[in-house]
Amino acid sequence: MTSRPGGRSARVREAVLDAVYAELIHRGYLGMTVENVADRAGVHKTTVYRRWGTVDVLIADALDHTRETDWPVPDTGTIEGDLTAIATEIADTFTDPERRQVPAAIVAAALQSTRALQAKQAFYTARHTEAAKVVTRAVERGELPPQTDPLELVRLTCAPLYYRIFVSGEPVDRTTAERAVQSALAAARTGLL
C-alpha cells in the first residue's frame, strides 16, 4: 500500500479505518464486508479492494494505525493506582456493549490471517511495553523489588482478565480488575517476578 501523507491517500485511509471500527461495532467480524466498509467510508469498493483486499487486512491495518497513536500511560503516583487504571481500562473496554466487539473481532481475524496475527502481536507488544513504564517508575520509587520484570508484571496483571474474556467467557468488571492487580502485586512484592 502506498500513501501520500497528508494528501487524499491519507484522508481515504483515515475514512476507511474509521469505517472498519464502525463496522466491527455494528456488524461484528462475521458481518463485516469490504463493500460495507467502502460504503461507510464513502469510497468506491475497488479502492478498498485495491489497497487492502480482504477484511482481515483491513482489520490488521486498523490495528496498526491504533498502535501508532499515543496511549496515555497512567501516572497516579502509585503502582497499585497505575495497574488498576490499566486493568480497569481493559475491563471497561470489554464490558462496553459497543467497544467489546472490536477486540473480539481482532482475535477472530488473527486466527484466520497471518497479517492480522502479526498486527495483533505488534499491538500488544507495543501496549505492554508502554504499560511497563508504570512498573519501572514503581521500582525507582522503591515500591517493588529492583529485579521486578516490568513486562512480566503487566502480563500477569492482564492475563486473568483476558482469560475470562476470551477463554472462559466469565464476566469481567472492576472488581475482577482490582483482584488481578492485587494478585500480580503480591507476586511482584515477594520477588517472584
N, C-alpha and C. Protein backbone atom coordinates (compact mmCIF):
# COMPACT_ATOMS: atom_id res chain seq x y z
N MET A 1 0.85 -1.18 0.00
CA MET A 1 0.00 0.00 0.00
C MET A 1 0.89 1.23 0.00
N THR A 2 0.67 2.11 -0.95
CA THR A 2 1.42 3.35 -0.99
C THR A 2 0.54 4.45 -0.42
N SER A 3 1.20 5.44 0.13
CA SER A 3 0.41 6.53 0.70
C SER A 3 1.13 7.84 0.52
N ARG A 4 0.35 8.89 0.51
CA ARG A 4 0.88 10.24 0.45
C ARG A 4 0.45 10.93 1.73
N PRO A 5 1.36 11.00 2.70
CA PRO A 5 0.97 11.58 3.99
C PRO A 5 0.33 12.96 3.82
N GLY A 6 -0.83 13.12 4.41
CA GLY A 6 -1.50 14.41 4.41
C GLY A 6 -2.33 14.67 3.18
N GLY A 7 -2.22 13.83 2.14
CA GLY A 7 -2.97 14.03 0.92
C GLY A 7 -4.25 13.23 0.89
N ARG A 8 -4.78 13.08 -0.33
CA ARG A 8 -6.02 12.33 -0.49
C ARG A 8 -5.87 10.90 0.03
N SER A 9 -4.72 10.31 -0.22
CA SER A 9 -4.48 8.94 0.22
C SER A 9 -4.62 8.81 1.73
N ALA A 10 -4.09 9.77 2.46
CA ALA A 10 -4.19 9.75 3.92
C ALA A 10 -5.64 9.93 4.37
N ARG A 11 -6.37 10.80 3.68
CA ARG A 11 -7.78 11.01 4.03
C ARG A 11 -8.61 9.75 3.76
N VAL A 12 -8.33 9.10 2.65
CA VAL A 12 -9.04 7.86 2.32
C VAL A 12 -8.73 6.80 3.37
N ARG A 13 -7.44 6.66 3.71
CA ARG A 13 -7.07 5.65 4.71
C ARG A 13 -7.78 5.93 6.03
N GLU A 14 -7.78 7.17 6.46
CA GLU A 14 -8.44 7.54 7.73
C GLU A 14 -9.93 7.20 7.68
N ALA A 15 -10.59 7.55 6.58
CA ALA A 15 -12.02 7.27 6.44
C ALA A 15 -12.29 5.76 6.44
N VAL A 16 -11.46 5.02 5.76
CA VAL A 16 -11.65 3.57 5.69
C VAL A 16 -11.40 2.93 7.05
N LEU A 17 -10.35 3.33 7.74
CA LEU A 17 -10.05 2.73 9.05
C LEU A 17 -11.11 3.10 10.08
N ASP A 18 -11.63 4.31 10.02
CA ASP A 18 -12.76 4.67 10.89
C ASP A 18 -13.96 3.77 10.57
N ALA A 19 -14.18 3.52 9.29
CA ALA A 19 -15.29 2.66 8.88
C ALA A 19 -15.09 1.23 9.35
N VAL A 20 -13.85 0.76 9.38
CA VAL A 20 -13.57 -0.59 9.87
C VAL A 20 -14.06 -0.73 11.31
N TYR A 21 -13.67 0.22 12.17
CA TYR A 21 -14.11 0.15 13.57
C TYR A 21 -15.62 0.26 13.70
N ALA A 22 -16.22 1.14 12.92
CA ALA A 22 -17.68 1.29 12.97
C ALA A 22 -18.37 0.00 12.52
N GLU A 23 -17.85 -0.63 11.50
CA GLU A 23 -18.44 -1.90 11.03
C GLU A 23 -18.26 -3.00 12.06
N LEU A 24 -17.10 -3.06 12.70
CA LEU A 24 -16.88 -4.06 13.74
C LEU A 24 -17.86 -3.88 14.89
N ILE A 25 -18.10 -2.63 15.25
CA ILE A 25 -19.03 -2.34 16.34
C ILE A 25 -20.46 -2.73 15.95
N HIS A 26 -20.86 -2.40 14.74
CA HIS A 26 -22.25 -2.60 14.35
C HIS A 26 -22.56 -3.97 13.75
N ARG A 27 -21.57 -4.60 13.12
CA ARG A 27 -21.84 -5.89 12.47
C ARG A 27 -21.00 -7.04 13.02
N GLY A 28 -19.90 -6.70 13.72
CA GLY A 28 -19.01 -7.75 14.20
C GLY A 28 -18.13 -8.28 13.08
N TYR A 29 -17.21 -9.14 13.44
CA TYR A 29 -16.26 -9.69 12.47
C TYR A 29 -16.97 -10.48 11.37
N LEU A 30 -17.89 -11.33 11.75
CA LEU A 30 -18.55 -12.19 10.75
C LEU A 30 -19.45 -11.41 9.81
N GLY A 31 -19.97 -10.27 10.23
CA GLY A 31 -20.86 -9.48 9.39
C GLY A 31 -20.16 -8.41 8.58
N MET A 32 -18.88 -8.22 8.81
CA MET A 32 -18.15 -7.15 8.14
C MET A 32 -17.75 -7.59 6.73
N THR A 33 -17.95 -6.69 5.76
CA THR A 33 -17.52 -6.95 4.38
C THR A 33 -16.75 -5.75 3.86
N VAL A 34 -15.94 -5.99 2.85
CA VAL A 34 -15.21 -4.89 2.21
C VAL A 34 -16.20 -3.88 1.64
N GLU A 35 -17.28 -4.36 1.07
CA GLU A 35 -18.29 -3.47 0.48
C GLU A 35 -18.92 -2.56 1.54
N ASN A 36 -19.25 -3.12 2.70
CA ASN A 36 -19.84 -2.31 3.77
C ASN A 36 -18.86 -1.25 4.27
N VAL A 37 -17.60 -1.63 4.38
CA VAL A 37 -16.57 -0.67 4.80
C VAL A 37 -16.47 0.46 3.78
N ALA A 38 -16.44 0.10 2.50
CA ALA A 38 -16.35 1.12 1.45
C ALA A 38 -17.55 2.06 1.49
N ASP A 39 -18.74 1.50 1.61
CA ASP A 39 -19.96 2.34 1.70
C ASP A 39 -19.88 3.29 2.87
N ARG A 40 -19.52 2.78 4.02
CA ARG A 40 -19.47 3.61 5.23
C ARG A 40 -18.40 4.70 5.10
N ALA A 41 -17.28 4.36 4.44
CA ALA A 41 -16.17 5.32 4.28
C ALA A 41 -16.44 6.33 3.17
N GLY A 42 -17.43 6.04 2.33
CA GLY A 42 -17.73 6.95 1.23
C GLY A 42 -16.74 6.85 0.08
N VAL A 43 -16.17 5.66 -0.10
CA VAL A 43 -15.23 5.45 -1.20
C VAL A 43 -15.73 4.26 -2.03
N HIS A 44 -15.22 4.15 -3.23
CA HIS A 44 -15.63 3.04 -4.08
C HIS A 44 -14.98 1.75 -3.58
N LYS A 45 -15.72 0.66 -3.72
CA LYS A 45 -15.21 -0.62 -3.20
C LYS A 45 -13.92 -1.05 -3.89
N THR A 46 -13.72 -0.65 -5.15
CA THR A 46 -12.47 -1.03 -5.82
C THR A 46 -11.27 -0.37 -5.16
N THR A 47 -11.46 0.81 -4.59
CA THR A 47 -10.38 1.47 -3.85
C THR A 47 -9.98 0.62 -2.65
N VAL A 48 -10.96 0.13 -1.94
CA VAL A 48 -10.69 -0.69 -0.75
C VAL A 48 -10.08 -2.03 -1.16
N TYR A 49 -10.64 -2.66 -2.17
CA TYR A 49 -10.08 -3.94 -2.62
C TYR A 49 -8.64 -3.77 -3.11
N ARG A 50 -8.37 -2.71 -3.84
CA ARG A 50 -7.02 -2.48 -4.37
C ARG A 50 -6.00 -2.26 -3.26
N ARG A 51 -6.37 -1.49 -2.24
CA ARG A 51 -5.41 -1.14 -1.19
C ARG A 51 -5.34 -2.17 -0.07
N TRP A 52 -6.45 -2.84 0.23
CA TRP A 52 -6.47 -3.76 1.37
C TRP A 52 -6.80 -5.19 0.97
N GLY A 53 -7.72 -5.38 0.07
CA GLY A 53 -8.02 -6.71 -0.45
C GLY A 53 -9.01 -7.53 0.35
N THR A 54 -8.79 -7.67 1.65
CA THR A 54 -9.65 -8.53 2.47
C THR A 54 -10.01 -7.84 3.78
N VAL A 55 -11.03 -8.38 4.42
CA VAL A 55 -11.45 -7.88 5.72
C VAL A 55 -10.32 -8.03 6.74
N ASP A 56 -9.61 -9.15 6.70
CA ASP A 56 -8.54 -9.38 7.67
C ASP A 56 -7.42 -8.35 7.54
N VAL A 57 -7.09 -7.98 6.31
CA VAL A 57 -6.06 -6.96 6.10
C VAL A 57 -6.57 -5.59 6.54
N LEU A 58 -7.85 -5.32 6.32
CA LEU A 58 -8.43 -4.07 6.83
C LEU A 58 -8.31 -4.00 8.35
N ILE A 59 -8.66 -5.08 9.02
CA ILE A 59 -8.59 -5.11 10.48
C ILE A 59 -7.14 -4.95 10.93
N ALA A 60 -6.22 -5.63 10.26
CA ALA A 60 -4.80 -5.52 10.62
C ALA A 60 -4.31 -4.09 10.47
N ASP A 61 -4.68 -3.43 9.38
CA ASP A 61 -4.23 -2.05 9.18
C ASP A 61 -4.86 -1.12 10.21
N ALA A 62 -6.11 -1.35 10.55
CA ALA A 62 -6.76 -0.53 11.58
C ALA A 62 -6.04 -0.71 12.92
N LEU A 63 -5.65 -1.93 13.22
CA LEU A 63 -4.94 -2.19 14.46
C LEU A 63 -3.55 -1.55 14.44
N ASP A 64 -2.87 -1.64 13.30
CA ASP A 64 -1.56 -0.97 13.17
C ASP A 64 -1.71 0.53 13.39
N HIS A 65 -2.75 1.10 12.81
CA HIS A 65 -2.99 2.54 12.96
C HIS A 65 -3.25 2.90 14.43
N THR A 66 -4.02 2.08 15.11
CA THR A 66 -4.29 2.31 16.53
C THR A 66 -3.01 2.21 17.35
N ARG A 67 -2.17 1.23 17.01
CA ARG A 67 -0.90 1.05 17.72
C ARG A 67 -0.01 2.28 17.57
N GLU A 68 -0.09 2.94 16.43
CA GLU A 68 0.74 4.11 16.15
C GLU A 68 0.26 5.36 16.88
N THR A 69 -0.94 5.34 17.43
CA THR A 69 -1.45 6.51 18.14
C THR A 69 -0.97 6.48 19.59
N ASP A 70 -0.87 7.64 20.17
CA ASP A 70 -0.42 7.74 21.56
C ASP A 70 -1.45 7.12 22.49
N TRP A 71 -0.94 6.40 23.47
CA TRP A 71 -1.78 5.85 24.53
C TRP A 71 -1.28 6.48 25.83
N PRO A 72 -2.14 7.17 26.56
CA PRO A 72 -1.69 7.82 27.80
C PRO A 72 -1.40 6.80 28.90
N VAL A 73 -0.13 6.65 29.22
CA VAL A 73 0.27 5.73 30.28
C VAL A 73 -0.17 6.32 31.61
N PRO A 74 -0.89 5.56 32.43
CA PRO A 74 -1.35 6.09 33.72
C PRO A 74 -0.17 6.53 34.59
N ASP A 75 -0.39 7.57 35.36
CA ASP A 75 0.63 8.03 36.31
C ASP A 75 -0.11 8.59 37.53
N THR A 76 -0.58 7.67 38.37
CA THR A 76 -1.34 8.05 39.56
C THR A 76 -0.45 8.33 40.76
N GLY A 77 0.83 7.94 40.63
CA GLY A 77 1.75 8.13 41.74
C GLY A 77 2.02 6.86 42.53
N THR A 78 1.24 5.80 42.26
CA THR A 78 1.47 4.51 42.92
C THR A 78 1.33 3.39 41.90
N ILE A 79 2.04 2.30 42.14
CA ILE A 79 1.93 1.16 41.24
C ILE A 79 0.53 0.56 41.30
N GLU A 80 -0.05 0.53 42.47
CA GLU A 80 -1.41 -0.01 42.59
C GLU A 80 -2.39 0.83 41.78
N GLY A 81 -2.28 2.13 41.89
CA GLY A 81 -3.16 3.01 41.13
C GLY A 81 -2.96 2.90 39.63
N ASP A 82 -1.68 2.81 39.21
CA ASP A 82 -1.39 2.72 37.78
C ASP A 82 -1.89 1.40 37.19
N LEU A 83 -1.59 0.29 37.86
CA LEU A 83 -2.04 -1.01 37.34
C LEU A 83 -3.56 -1.12 37.39
N THR A 84 -4.17 -0.54 38.41
CA THR A 84 -5.64 -0.56 38.48
C THR A 84 -6.23 0.23 37.32
N ALA A 85 -5.62 1.35 36.97
CA ALA A 85 -6.10 2.13 35.82
C ALA A 85 -6.00 1.31 34.53
N ILE A 86 -4.91 0.59 34.36
CA ILE A 86 -4.74 -0.24 33.16
C ILE A 86 -5.76 -1.37 33.15
N ALA A 87 -5.87 -2.09 34.26
CA ALA A 87 -6.79 -3.23 34.33
C ALA A 87 -8.24 -2.77 34.19
N THR A 88 -8.57 -1.65 34.76
CA THR A 88 -9.93 -1.12 34.67
C THR A 88 -10.25 -0.71 33.23
N GLU A 89 -9.26 -0.16 32.54
CA GLU A 89 -9.48 0.20 31.13
C GLU A 89 -9.80 -1.05 30.31
N ILE A 90 -9.08 -2.13 30.57
CA ILE A 90 -9.37 -3.40 29.88
C ILE A 90 -10.79 -3.86 30.21
N ALA A 91 -11.12 -3.87 31.49
CA ALA A 91 -12.46 -4.31 31.91
C ALA A 91 -13.54 -3.44 31.29
N ASP A 92 -13.33 -2.13 31.30
CA ASP A 92 -14.33 -1.22 30.74
C ASP A 92 -14.51 -1.44 29.24
N THR A 93 -13.41 -1.67 28.53
CA THR A 93 -13.48 -1.90 27.09
C THR A 93 -14.32 -3.13 26.78
N PHE A 94 -14.13 -4.18 27.58
CA PHE A 94 -14.81 -5.43 27.28
C PHE A 94 -16.21 -5.52 27.88
N THR A 95 -16.61 -4.55 28.67
CA THR A 95 -17.98 -4.53 29.17
C THR A 95 -18.83 -3.49 28.45
N ASP A 96 -18.19 -2.61 27.69
CA ASP A 96 -18.92 -1.63 26.89
C ASP A 96 -19.60 -2.39 25.74
N PRO A 97 -20.93 -2.30 25.64
CA PRO A 97 -21.65 -3.08 24.63
C PRO A 97 -21.15 -2.85 23.20
N GLU A 98 -20.70 -1.67 22.89
CA GLU A 98 -20.21 -1.40 21.54
C GLU A 98 -18.74 -1.77 21.38
N ARG A 99 -17.91 -1.27 22.25
CA ARG A 99 -16.46 -1.44 22.06
C ARG A 99 -15.99 -2.88 22.20
N ARG A 100 -16.69 -3.72 22.94
CA ARG A 100 -16.21 -5.08 23.16
C ARG A 100 -16.17 -5.91 21.89
N GLN A 101 -16.91 -5.51 20.86
CA GLN A 101 -16.88 -6.22 19.58
C GLN A 101 -15.52 -6.12 18.91
N VAL A 102 -14.84 -5.00 19.09
CA VAL A 102 -13.60 -4.75 18.36
C VAL A 102 -12.49 -5.72 18.77
N PRO A 103 -12.14 -5.83 20.05
CA PRO A 103 -11.08 -6.77 20.40
C PRO A 103 -11.42 -8.22 20.05
N ALA A 104 -12.66 -8.60 20.20
CA ALA A 104 -13.06 -9.96 19.84
C ALA A 104 -12.88 -10.19 18.34
N ALA A 105 -13.19 -9.20 17.53
CA ALA A 105 -13.01 -9.31 16.08
C ALA A 105 -11.54 -9.39 15.71
N ILE A 106 -10.72 -8.66 16.44
CA ILE A 106 -9.28 -8.70 16.18
C ILE A 106 -8.73 -10.09 16.46
N VAL A 107 -9.15 -10.69 17.55
CA VAL A 107 -8.71 -12.05 17.87
C VAL A 107 -9.21 -13.02 16.80
N ALA A 108 -10.46 -12.88 16.39
CA ALA A 108 -11.01 -13.76 15.35
C ALA A 108 -10.23 -13.61 14.05
N ALA A 109 -9.93 -12.38 13.67
CA ALA A 109 -9.15 -12.15 12.45
C ALA A 109 -7.76 -12.76 12.56
N ALA A 110 -7.15 -12.65 13.74
CA ALA A 110 -5.80 -13.18 13.95
C ALA A 110 -5.77 -14.70 13.84
N LEU A 111 -6.88 -15.35 14.10
CA LEU A 111 -6.95 -16.81 13.94
C LEU A 111 -7.05 -17.21 12.47
N GLN A 112 -7.46 -16.28 11.62
CA GLN A 112 -7.67 -16.56 10.20
C GLN A 112 -6.55 -16.04 9.30
N SER A 113 -5.80 -15.07 9.78
CA SER A 113 -4.88 -14.35 8.91
C SER A 113 -3.54 -14.11 9.59
N THR A 114 -2.46 -14.48 8.91
CA THR A 114 -1.12 -14.23 9.44
C THR A 114 -0.89 -12.73 9.60
N ARG A 115 -1.36 -11.95 8.63
CA ARG A 115 -1.19 -10.49 8.69
C ARG A 115 -1.91 -9.91 9.91
N ALA A 116 -3.11 -10.37 10.18
CA ALA A 116 -3.85 -9.89 11.35
C ALA A 116 -3.19 -10.36 12.64
N LEU A 117 -2.66 -11.58 12.65
CA LEU A 117 -1.94 -12.08 13.82
C LEU A 117 -0.72 -11.22 14.11
N GLN A 118 0.03 -10.88 13.08
CA GLN A 118 1.21 -10.03 13.27
C GLN A 118 0.82 -8.65 13.80
N ALA A 119 -0.26 -8.11 13.30
CA ALA A 119 -0.72 -6.80 13.77
C ALA A 119 -1.16 -6.87 15.22
N LYS A 120 -1.85 -7.95 15.59
CA LYS A 120 -2.29 -8.12 16.99
C LYS A 120 -1.09 -8.24 17.91
N GLN A 121 -0.11 -9.05 17.51
CA GLN A 121 1.08 -9.22 18.34
C GLN A 121 1.84 -7.90 18.48
N ALA A 122 1.98 -7.17 17.39
CA ALA A 122 2.68 -5.88 17.44
C ALA A 122 1.93 -4.89 18.34
N PHE A 123 0.60 -4.91 18.25
CA PHE A 123 -0.21 -4.01 19.08
C PHE A 123 0.02 -4.30 20.56
N TYR A 124 -0.13 -5.57 20.95
CA TYR A 124 0.00 -5.90 22.37
C TYR A 124 1.44 -5.75 22.86
N THR A 125 2.41 -6.02 22.02
CA THR A 125 3.81 -5.79 22.40
C THR A 125 4.03 -4.31 22.69
N ALA A 126 3.52 -3.46 21.81
CA ALA A 126 3.68 -2.01 22.00
C ALA A 126 2.95 -1.52 23.24
N ARG A 127 1.70 -1.96 23.43
CA ARG A 127 0.93 -1.51 24.60
C ARG A 127 1.55 -2.01 25.90
N HIS A 128 1.99 -3.25 25.92
CA HIS A 128 2.60 -3.78 27.15
C HIS A 128 3.93 -3.10 27.44
N THR A 129 4.68 -2.78 26.40
CA THR A 129 5.94 -2.06 26.59
C THR A 129 5.67 -0.67 27.18
N GLU A 130 4.65 -0.01 26.66
CA GLU A 130 4.26 1.30 27.22
C GLU A 130 3.80 1.15 28.67
N ALA A 131 2.95 0.15 28.92
CA ALA A 131 2.42 -0.07 30.27
C ALA A 131 3.53 -0.41 31.26
N ALA A 132 4.58 -1.06 30.78
CA ALA A 132 5.69 -1.45 31.66
C ALA A 132 6.37 -0.24 32.29
N LYS A 133 6.18 0.93 31.71
CA LYS A 133 6.77 2.14 32.29
C LYS A 133 6.26 2.37 33.72
N VAL A 134 5.02 1.97 34.00
CA VAL A 134 4.49 2.17 35.35
C VAL A 134 5.25 1.31 36.35
N VAL A 135 5.69 0.14 35.92
CA VAL A 135 6.45 -0.75 36.80
C VAL A 135 7.85 -0.20 37.01
N THR A 136 8.47 0.28 35.95
CA THR A 136 9.81 0.88 36.07
C THR A 136 9.78 2.04 37.04
N ARG A 137 8.76 2.89 36.95
CA ARG A 137 8.65 4.02 37.89
C ARG A 137 8.46 3.52 39.31
N ALA A 138 7.68 2.45 39.48
CA ALA A 138 7.44 1.90 40.82
C ALA A 138 8.73 1.35 41.42
N VAL A 139 9.55 0.71 40.61
CA VAL A 139 10.85 0.21 41.09
C VAL A 139 11.71 1.39 41.51
N GLU A 140 11.73 2.44 40.71
CA GLU A 140 12.52 3.64 41.03
C GLU A 140 12.03 4.30 42.32
N ARG A 141 10.74 4.22 42.61
CA ARG A 141 10.19 4.80 43.84
C ARG A 141 10.37 3.88 45.04
N GLY A 142 10.83 2.66 44.80
CA GLY A 142 11.03 1.71 45.89
C GLY A 142 9.78 0.92 46.26
N GLU A 143 8.75 0.97 45.42
CA GLU A 143 7.52 0.22 45.71
C GLU A 143 7.65 -1.27 45.40
N LEU A 144 8.58 -1.61 44.53
CA LEU A 144 8.76 -3.00 44.11
C LEU A 144 10.24 -3.36 44.15
N PRO A 145 10.55 -4.65 44.30
CA PRO A 145 11.95 -5.07 44.31
C PRO A 145 12.66 -4.69 43.01
N PRO A 146 13.94 -4.38 43.09
CA PRO A 146 14.69 -3.93 41.90
C PRO A 146 14.70 -4.93 40.75
N GLN A 147 14.62 -6.22 41.05
CA GLN A 147 14.69 -7.23 39.99
C GLN A 147 13.34 -7.49 39.31
N THR A 148 12.31 -6.76 39.67
CA THR A 148 10.98 -6.97 39.09
C THR A 148 11.03 -6.79 37.57
N ASP A 149 10.48 -7.76 36.87
CA ASP A 149 10.40 -7.71 35.41
C ASP A 149 9.15 -6.92 35.02
N PRO A 150 9.33 -5.70 34.49
CA PRO A 150 8.16 -4.86 34.19
C PRO A 150 7.15 -5.50 33.24
N LEU A 151 7.63 -6.09 32.16
CA LEU A 151 6.70 -6.71 31.21
C LEU A 151 5.95 -7.88 31.82
N GLU A 152 6.65 -8.66 32.63
CA GLU A 152 6.00 -9.82 33.24
C GLU A 152 4.91 -9.39 34.22
N LEU A 153 5.15 -8.31 34.95
CA LEU A 153 4.12 -7.83 35.88
C LEU A 153 2.90 -7.33 35.11
N VAL A 154 3.12 -6.64 34.01
CA VAL A 154 1.99 -6.18 33.18
C VAL A 154 1.22 -7.39 32.65
N ARG A 155 1.94 -8.38 32.13
CA ARG A 155 1.27 -9.57 31.60
C ARG A 155 0.47 -10.29 32.69
N LEU A 156 1.07 -10.41 33.86
CA LEU A 156 0.40 -11.10 34.96
C LEU A 156 -0.85 -10.35 35.43
N THR A 157 -0.82 -9.05 35.31
CA THR A 157 -2.00 -8.24 35.66
C THR A 157 -3.12 -8.45 34.64
N CYS A 158 -2.76 -8.47 33.37
CA CYS A 158 -3.76 -8.56 32.30
C CYS A 158 -4.27 -9.97 32.06
N ALA A 159 -3.45 -10.97 32.32
CA ALA A 159 -3.78 -12.35 31.95
C ALA A 159 -5.11 -12.85 32.52
N PRO A 160 -5.41 -12.63 33.80
CA PRO A 160 -6.70 -13.14 34.30
C PRO A 160 -7.90 -12.49 33.60
N LEU A 161 -7.74 -11.25 33.20
CA LEU A 161 -8.83 -10.56 32.50
C LEU A 161 -9.02 -11.16 31.12
N TYR A 162 -7.92 -11.33 30.39
CA TYR A 162 -8.02 -11.90 29.05
C TYR A 162 -8.50 -13.35 29.10
N TYR A 163 -8.12 -14.08 30.12
CA TYR A 163 -8.59 -15.46 30.26
C TYR A 163 -10.12 -15.48 30.37
N ARG A 164 -10.66 -14.64 31.22
CA ARG A 164 -12.12 -14.59 31.39
C ARG A 164 -12.81 -14.13 30.10
N ILE A 165 -12.23 -13.16 29.45
CA ILE A 165 -12.85 -12.60 28.25
C ILE A 165 -12.83 -13.59 27.09
N PHE A 166 -11.67 -14.19 26.82
CA PHE A 166 -11.51 -14.98 25.61
C PHE A 166 -11.59 -16.49 25.80
N VAL A 167 -11.42 -16.99 27.03
CA VAL A 167 -11.41 -18.44 27.23
C VAL A 167 -12.66 -18.91 27.96
N SER A 168 -12.85 -18.43 29.18
CA SER A 168 -13.96 -18.96 29.99
C SER A 168 -15.29 -18.26 29.75
N GLY A 169 -15.25 -17.04 29.22
CA GLY A 169 -16.48 -16.30 28.99
C GLY A 169 -17.10 -15.73 30.25
N GLU A 170 -16.36 -15.78 31.35
CA GLU A 170 -16.87 -15.23 32.60
C GLU A 170 -16.89 -13.70 32.52
N PRO A 171 -17.76 -13.06 33.28
CA PRO A 171 -17.82 -11.60 33.24
C PRO A 171 -16.55 -10.97 33.82
N VAL A 172 -16.26 -9.81 33.31
CA VAL A 172 -15.12 -9.02 33.79
C VAL A 172 -15.68 -7.67 34.22
N ASP A 173 -15.32 -7.26 35.43
CA ASP A 173 -15.76 -5.96 35.92
C ASP A 173 -14.62 -5.32 36.71
N ARG A 174 -14.91 -4.21 37.34
CA ARG A 174 -13.86 -3.50 38.08
C ARG A 174 -13.34 -4.33 39.25
N THR A 175 -14.19 -5.10 39.88
CA THR A 175 -13.75 -5.95 40.99
C THR A 175 -12.76 -7.00 40.48
N THR A 176 -13.07 -7.59 39.34
CA THR A 176 -12.16 -8.55 38.73
C THR A 176 -10.82 -7.89 38.41
N ALA A 177 -10.88 -6.68 37.88
CA ALA A 177 -9.66 -5.95 37.54
C ALA A 177 -8.83 -5.67 38.79
N GLU A 178 -9.48 -5.22 39.84
CA GLU A 178 -8.76 -4.93 41.09
C GLU A 178 -8.15 -6.20 41.69
N ARG A 179 -8.86 -7.31 41.60
CA ARG A 179 -8.34 -8.58 42.11
C ARG A 179 -7.11 -9.01 41.31
N ALA A 180 -7.14 -8.82 40.01
CA ALA A 180 -5.99 -9.17 39.16
C ALA A 180 -4.77 -8.33 39.55
N VAL A 181 -4.99 -7.05 39.82
CA VAL A 181 -3.89 -6.17 40.23
C VAL A 181 -3.31 -6.64 41.56
N GLN A 182 -4.17 -6.91 42.53
CA GLN A 182 -3.69 -7.33 43.85
C GLN A 182 -2.91 -8.64 43.78
N SER A 183 -3.37 -9.58 42.97
CA SER A 183 -2.66 -10.86 42.82
C SER A 183 -1.30 -10.66 42.18
N ALA A 184 -1.25 -9.86 41.13
CA ALA A 184 0.02 -9.62 40.44
C ALA A 184 1.00 -8.88 41.35
N LEU A 185 0.50 -7.89 42.09
CA LEU A 185 1.38 -7.15 43.00
C LEU A 185 1.89 -8.03 44.13
N ALA A 186 1.06 -8.94 44.62
CA ALA A 186 1.51 -9.85 45.68
C ALA A 186 2.69 -10.68 45.18
N ALA A 187 2.59 -11.17 43.96
CA ALA A 187 3.70 -11.95 43.38
C ALA A 187 4.94 -11.09 43.21
N ALA A 188 4.76 -9.87 42.72
CA ALA A 188 5.91 -8.98 42.48
C ALA A 188 6.59 -8.59 43.79
N ARG A 189 5.80 -8.29 44.79
CA ARG A 189 6.37 -7.83 46.07
C ARG A 189 7.14 -8.93 46.80
N THR A 190 6.83 -10.19 46.50
CA THR A 190 7.58 -11.28 47.13
C THR A 190 8.80 -11.67 46.31
N GLY A 191 9.02 -10.98 45.19
CA GLY A 191 10.20 -11.25 44.38
C GLY A 191 10.02 -12.34 43.33
N LEU A 192 8.80 -12.79 43.10
CA LEU A 192 8.56 -13.84 42.12
C LEU A 192 8.70 -13.36 40.67
N LEU A 193 8.65 -12.07 40.48
CA LEU A 193 8.74 -11.55 39.11
C LEU A 193 10.06 -10.83 38.94
